[in-house]
Amino acid sequence: MERRQTYSTRPFDKQAVKSKIQKRMVAVCDILGFSKTVFETPLELVVNGPLNKFYNALLFAIEQKLPSNGNLALANLQSQNRVGVQWFSDTVLIYSIDDSQKSLQELLQTISWLLFITVFNRHIRIRVGISYGDVYIDNENKIYVGPAIVEAYKMEQAQEWSGGALTKSAEQVIPPMIPPCSADEFKWPVIPYNVPIKEDAKRVNELNDFANKTLAINWTLGIHPANDNYFMWSKDKEYPTAEEANLYPDIEKKRINIKRFHDEICRQCGGTKRKD
């Protein structure tokens, strides 16, 4: 007689589940062009090159220090109390430790530093979506789920640049007026901006976030030389050829949009919209 295996599920401890659902600000970061790099480059060079560079950038963004050794170690990123970090391939989840203003500021400051470092390094480009809301966080079992994560992911995917933007739910927990040239500008490194959004995202507009200006991460606050070399098409030329622009239109759009943001916003370089 054939014996059939039966399948059943064990219910979770409802109280334990409830205790892990909390309000958090979360950021979903995507390393742009990483899949193409993985397919076209020997894996050892990927790990020792862009992956290592991004790891060092992330560690510095969190703690403003470089690793004591050259090893990639998630434990180094997690052995601090400023933000929570989880990493899979080209996607990194960063979330606030709790719901306090200090923790929200530390997350936004981390993202601002991360964008600053990667924008001024042509080897790495990232895009970040930030949201706020309920998240189930189980660090012991590495389970992370919640509407805030989904919203942050959709906002990340919708943008057409290398930069970061907040959803409406994240905007609602930011102070309404942040005076320029003040300490608060560094505590809350965000600025109203017409974030460039992909046309298909505008049509779908699931988040209802794209009708008006949203808050963008202001990564221009860090000290940097006033020149345009960082926004060149390559290290050898400022603009792509007509053939390159036709082959890689998405890359050229992102390059133009991030340069425009810098030229308009960066006070150090005489930003056209930041004369205050």
Protein backbone atom coordinates (compact mmCIF):
# COMPACT_ATOMS: atom_id res chain seq x y z
CA MET A 1 0.00 0.00 0.00
CA GLU A 2 1.41 3.38 -1.00
CA ARG A 3 2.10 5.72 1.89
CA ARG A 4 1.56 9.37 1.10
CA GLN A 5 3.31 12.18 2.91
CA THR A 6 0.98 14.81 4.28
CA TYR A 7 1.84 18.48 4.47
CA SER A 8 0.78 20.84 7.21
CA THR A 9 1.92 24.19 8.50
CA ARG A 10 2.70 25.24 12.01
CA PRO A 11 1.18 28.56 13.02
CA PHE A 12 3.57 31.29 14.09
CA ASP A 13 3.48 32.59 17.63
CA LYS A 14 1.06 35.49 17.12
CA GLN A 15 2.54 37.53 19.95
CA ALA A 16 6.07 37.05 18.62
CA VAL A 17 4.98 38.10 15.13
CA LYS A 18 3.20 41.18 16.47
CA SER A 19 6.30 42.26 18.39
CA LYS A 20 8.37 42.24 15.19
CA ILE A 21 6.00 44.51 13.23
CA GLN A 22 7.07 48.10 13.80
CA LYS A 23 7.18 51.49 12.07
CA ARG A 24 10.45 52.00 10.25
CA MET A 25 12.00 54.14 7.55
CA VAL A 26 13.47 51.84 4.91
CA ALA A 27 15.70 52.37 1.89
CA VAL A 28 16.04 49.97 -1.03
CA CYS A 29 19.34 50.52 -2.88
CA ASP A 30 20.12 49.12 -6.31
CA ILE A 31 23.63 49.00 -7.84
CA LEU A 32 22.98 50.15 -11.40
CA GLY A 33 24.32 48.04 -14.25
CA PHE A 34 25.45 45.29 -11.89
CA SER A 35 23.73 42.43 -13.73
CA LYS A 36 25.46 43.42 -16.97
CA THR A 37 28.80 43.56 -15.16
CA VAL A 38 28.28 40.11 -13.65
CA PHE A 39 27.51 38.57 -17.04
CA GLU A 40 30.37 40.27 -18.88
CA THR A 41 33.17 40.19 -16.27
CA PRO A 42 35.01 37.30 -14.56
CA LEU A 43 33.39 36.85 -11.15
CA GLU A 44 36.66 37.28 -9.27
CA LEU A 45 37.07 40.72 -10.86
CA VAL A 46 33.47 41.61 -9.97
CA VAL A 47 34.04 40.77 -6.30
CA ASN A 48 37.44 42.48 -6.10
CA GLY A 49 36.25 45.45 -8.18
CA PRO A 50 32.75 47.01 -8.04
CA LEU A 51 31.49 44.83 -5.19
CA ASN A 52 34.47 45.69 -3.01
CA LYS A 53 34.21 49.37 -3.90
CA PHE A 54 30.51 49.44 -3.00
CA TYR A 55 31.16 47.60 0.27
CA ASN A 56 33.79 50.17 1.29
CA ALA A 57 31.47 53.01 0.24
CA LEU A 58 28.62 51.59 2.31
CA LEU A 59 30.78 51.04 5.38
CA PHE A 60 32.13 54.57 5.15
CA ALA A 61 28.62 55.98 4.62
CA ILE A 62 27.44 54.32 7.82
CA GLU A 63 30.39 54.96 10.12
CA GLN A 64 32.73 57.33 8.22
CA LYS A 65 35.54 54.81 8.45
CA LEU A 66 37.12 52.19 6.21
CA PRO A 67 37.40 48.47 7.11
CA SER A 68 40.41 47.36 9.14
CA ASN A 69 40.97 44.48 6.68
CA GLY A 70 40.25 43.89 3.01
CA ASN A 71 37.60 41.22 3.53
CA LEU A 72 33.98 41.62 2.49
CA ALA A 73 32.00 40.93 5.65
CA LEU A 74 28.34 41.70 6.26
CA ALA A 75 29.14 41.46 9.98
CA ASN A 76 31.23 44.64 9.67
CA LEU A 77 28.20 46.46 8.28
CA GLN A 78 25.92 45.09 10.98
CA SER A 79 28.17 45.62 14.00
CA GLN A 80 26.98 49.21 14.53
CA ASN A 81 23.83 50.78 15.93
CA ARG A 82 23.08 53.50 13.37
CA VAL A 83 21.10 51.53 10.76
CA GLY A 84 20.07 47.98 9.95
CA VAL A 85 21.59 46.43 6.81
CA GLN A 86 20.83 43.38 4.65
CA TRP A 87 22.47 42.70 1.30
CA PHE A 88 21.66 40.38 -1.59
CA SER A 89 23.57 40.63 -4.89
CA ASP A 90 22.91 44.12 -6.31
CA THR A 91 20.20 45.08 -3.80
CA VAL A 92 20.76 46.41 -0.28
CA LEU A 93 18.04 46.98 2.31
CA ILE A 94 18.86 49.68 4.85
CA TYR A 95 16.38 50.47 7.63
CA SER A 96 16.17 52.69 10.70
CA ILE A 97 16.96 51.04 14.03
CA ASP A 98 13.76 52.42 15.55
CA ASP A 99 11.13 55.09 14.96
CA SER A 100 12.89 57.98 16.70
CA GLN A 101 13.86 61.18 14.88
CA LYS A 102 17.51 60.40 15.56
CA SER A 103 17.22 57.03 13.80
CA LEU A 104 15.38 58.53 10.83
CA GLN A 105 18.09 61.16 10.51
CA GLU A 106 20.84 58.53 10.68
CA LEU A 107 19.25 56.54 7.86
CA LEU A 108 18.91 59.63 5.62
CA GLN A 109 22.47 60.72 6.44
CA THR A 110 23.76 57.25 5.55
CA ILE A 111 21.99 57.36 2.17
CA SER A 112 23.24 60.90 1.52
CA TRP A 113 26.83 59.82 2.21
CA LEU A 114 26.44 56.69 0.11
CA LEU A 115 25.14 58.66 -2.87
CA PHE A 116 27.83 61.31 -2.42
CA ILE A 117 30.61 58.69 -2.50
CA THR A 118 29.21 56.75 -5.44
CA VAL A 119 28.23 59.78 -7.55
CA PHE A 120 31.80 61.04 -7.40
CA ASN A 121 33.11 57.60 -8.38
CA ARG A 122 32.37 56.62 -11.96
CA HIS A 123 32.91 52.93 -11.14
CA ILE A 124 29.68 52.70 -9.12
CA ARG A 125 26.23 54.21 -9.52
CA ILE A 126 23.26 53.48 -7.27
CA ARG A 127 19.58 54.40 -7.09
CA VAL A 128 17.59 54.54 -3.85
CA GLY A 129 13.92 54.54 -2.93
CA ILE A 130 12.94 55.47 0.63
CA SER A 131 9.63 54.85 2.35
CA TYR A 132 8.12 54.68 5.83
CA GLY A 133 5.58 52.38 7.45
CA ASP A 134 5.00 48.93 8.87
CA VAL A 135 7.79 46.39 8.48
CA TYR A 136 8.17 42.88 9.85
CA ILE A 137 11.83 42.54 10.87
CA ASP A 138 13.17 39.19 12.03
CA ASN A 139 16.93 39.62 12.15
CA GLU A 140 17.53 36.19 13.63
CA ASN A 141 15.89 34.40 10.69
CA LYS A 142 16.69 37.08 8.09
CA ILE A 143 13.04 37.70 7.19
CA TYR A 144 12.01 41.21 6.12
CA VAL A 145 8.62 42.06 4.70
CA GLY A 146 6.16 44.93 4.71
CA PRO A 147 4.44 47.61 2.65
CA ALA A 148 7.22 50.11 3.39
CA ILE A 149 9.76 47.81 1.70
CA VAL A 150 7.51 47.34 -1.35
CA GLU A 151 6.91 51.09 -1.63
CA ALA A 152 10.64 51.83 -1.33
CA TYR A 153 11.38 49.27 -4.05
CA LYS A 154 8.79 50.77 -6.40
CA MET A 155 10.14 54.26 -5.81
CA GLU A 156 13.68 53.04 -6.50
CA GLN A 157 12.61 51.39 -9.75
CA ALA A 158 10.62 54.42 -10.93
CA GLN A 159 13.50 56.92 -10.93
CA GLU A 160 15.51 57.76 -14.03
CA TRP A 161 18.85 58.80 -12.55
CA SER A 162 21.47 57.79 -10.05
CA GLY A 163 20.01 59.36 -6.94
CA GLY A 164 17.44 58.88 -4.21
CA ALA A 165 13.87 59.97 -3.51
CA LEU A 166 11.27 59.62 -0.79
CA THR A 167 7.69 58.37 -1.06
CA LYS A 168 4.85 60.47 0.34
CA SER A 169 4.71 58.26 3.43
CA ALA A 170 8.38 59.01 4.13
CA GLU A 171 7.91 62.73 3.46
CA GLN A 172 5.22 62.90 6.14
CA VAL A 173 7.71 62.17 8.94
CA ILE A 174 10.20 64.84 7.79
CA PRO A 175 10.02 68.35 9.33
CA PRO A 176 8.13 70.65 6.91
CA MET A 177 10.77 73.41 6.72
CA ILE A 178 14.51 72.70 6.73
CA PRO A 179 16.45 76.00 6.55
CA PRO A 180 19.36 75.97 4.08
CA CYS A 181 22.85 76.62 5.46
CA SER A 182 21.79 75.31 8.87
CA ALA A 183 22.65 72.32 11.03
CA ASP A 184 19.22 70.89 10.21
CA GLU A 185 20.17 70.68 6.54
CA PHE A 186 22.82 68.13 7.46
CA LYS A 187 20.55 66.32 9.93
CA TRP A 188 17.82 66.02 7.28
CA PRO A 189 19.68 65.90 3.92
CA VAL A 190 16.61 66.16 1.69
CA ILE A 191 15.35 68.80 -0.72
CA PRO A 192 12.15 69.30 -2.79
CA TYR A 193 12.88 68.41 -6.40
CA ASN A 194 11.18 67.30 -9.60
CA VAL A 195 12.71 63.84 -9.47
CA PRO A 196 13.07 62.38 -12.99
CA ILE A 197 10.60 59.51 -13.30
CA LYS A 198 10.39 56.89 -16.04
CA GLU A 199 7.44 57.33 -18.40
CA ASP A 200 5.98 53.89 -17.67
CA ALA A 201 6.11 54.61 -13.93
CA LYS A 202 4.26 57.89 -14.47
CA ARG A 203 1.52 56.04 -16.35
CA VAL A 204 1.06 53.39 -13.67
CA ASN A 205 1.77 55.70 -10.72
CA GLU A 206 0.87 53.08 -8.13
CA LEU A 207 2.36 55.17 -5.34
CA ASN A 208 0.63 58.41 -6.37
CA ASP A 209 3.96 60.12 -5.69
CA PHE A 210 4.82 61.63 -9.03
CA ALA A 211 2.25 64.39 -9.59
CA ASN A 212 4.25 67.10 -7.81
CA LYS A 213 7.72 67.63 -6.42
CA THR A 214 8.89 64.97 -4.02
CA LEU A 215 11.81 65.03 -1.60
CA ALA A 216 15.13 63.96 -3.05
CA ILE A 217 18.25 63.03 -1.11
CA ASN A 218 20.65 65.97 -1.21
CA TRP A 219 24.04 64.30 -1.74
CA THR A 220 25.73 67.57 -2.79
CA LEU A 221 26.41 68.67 0.82
CA GLY A 222 29.76 66.86 1.01
CA ILE A 223 32.90 68.83 0.15
CA HIS A 224 34.10 68.15 -3.40
CA PRO A 225 36.08 69.90 -6.17
CA ALA A 226 34.02 72.18 -8.40
CA ASN A 227 34.35 70.52 -11.79
CA ASP A 228 32.26 68.47 -14.20
CA ASN A 229 34.65 65.54 -14.60
CA TYR A 230 32.45 63.38 -12.40
CA PHE A 231 29.58 63.61 -14.87
CA MET A 232 31.46 62.84 -18.07
CA TRP A 233 30.33 59.98 -20.29
CA SER A 234 33.68 58.30 -19.70
CA LYS A 235 37.08 59.24 -18.33
CA ASP A 236 38.13 60.25 -21.85
CA LYS A 237 35.16 62.25 -23.12
CA GLU A 238 32.37 64.42 -21.82
CA TYR A 239 29.60 63.28 -24.17
CA PRO A 240 28.76 59.97 -25.85
CA THR A 241 29.01 59.57 -29.60
CA ALA A 242 25.73 59.41 -31.52
CA GLU A 243 26.16 55.64 -31.77
CA GLU A 244 26.77 55.27 -28.04
CA ALA A 245 23.78 57.46 -27.20
CA ASN A 246 21.59 55.27 -29.43
CA LEU A 247 22.96 52.05 -27.95
CA TYR A 248 22.66 53.18 -24.32
CA PRO A 249 19.88 55.80 -24.12
CA ASP A 250 18.96 54.91 -20.52
CA ILE A 251 22.51 55.45 -19.31
CA GLU A 252 22.71 58.82 -21.05
CA LYS A 253 19.39 59.93 -19.53
CA LYS A 254 20.62 59.04 -16.05
CA ARG A 255 23.89 60.89 -16.65
CA ILE A 256 22.11 64.03 -17.84
CA ASN A 257 19.62 63.96 -14.97
CA ILE A 258 22.18 63.53 -12.22
CA LYS A 259 24.36 66.30 -13.66
CA ARG A 260 21.32 68.59 -13.85
CA PHE A 261 20.53 67.92 -10.19
CA HIS A 262 24.10 68.77 -9.18
CA ASP A 263 24.23 71.91 -11.33
CA GLU A 264 20.92 73.18 -9.93
CA ILE A 265 21.32 72.21 -6.27
CA CYS A 266 24.99 72.20 -5.30
CA ARG A 267 25.73 75.40 -3.40
CA GLN A 268 29.49 74.80 -3.44
CA CYS A 269 29.50 74.79 -7.24
CA GLY A 270 27.09 77.73 -7.62
CA GLY A 271 23.87 75.78 -8.05
CA THR A 272 21.32 77.79 -10.01
CA LYS A 273 18.50 77.02 -7.54
CA ARG A 274 20.53 77.30 -4.31
CA LYS A 275 21.64 80.90 -4.10
CA ASP A 276 20.18 81.18 -0.58
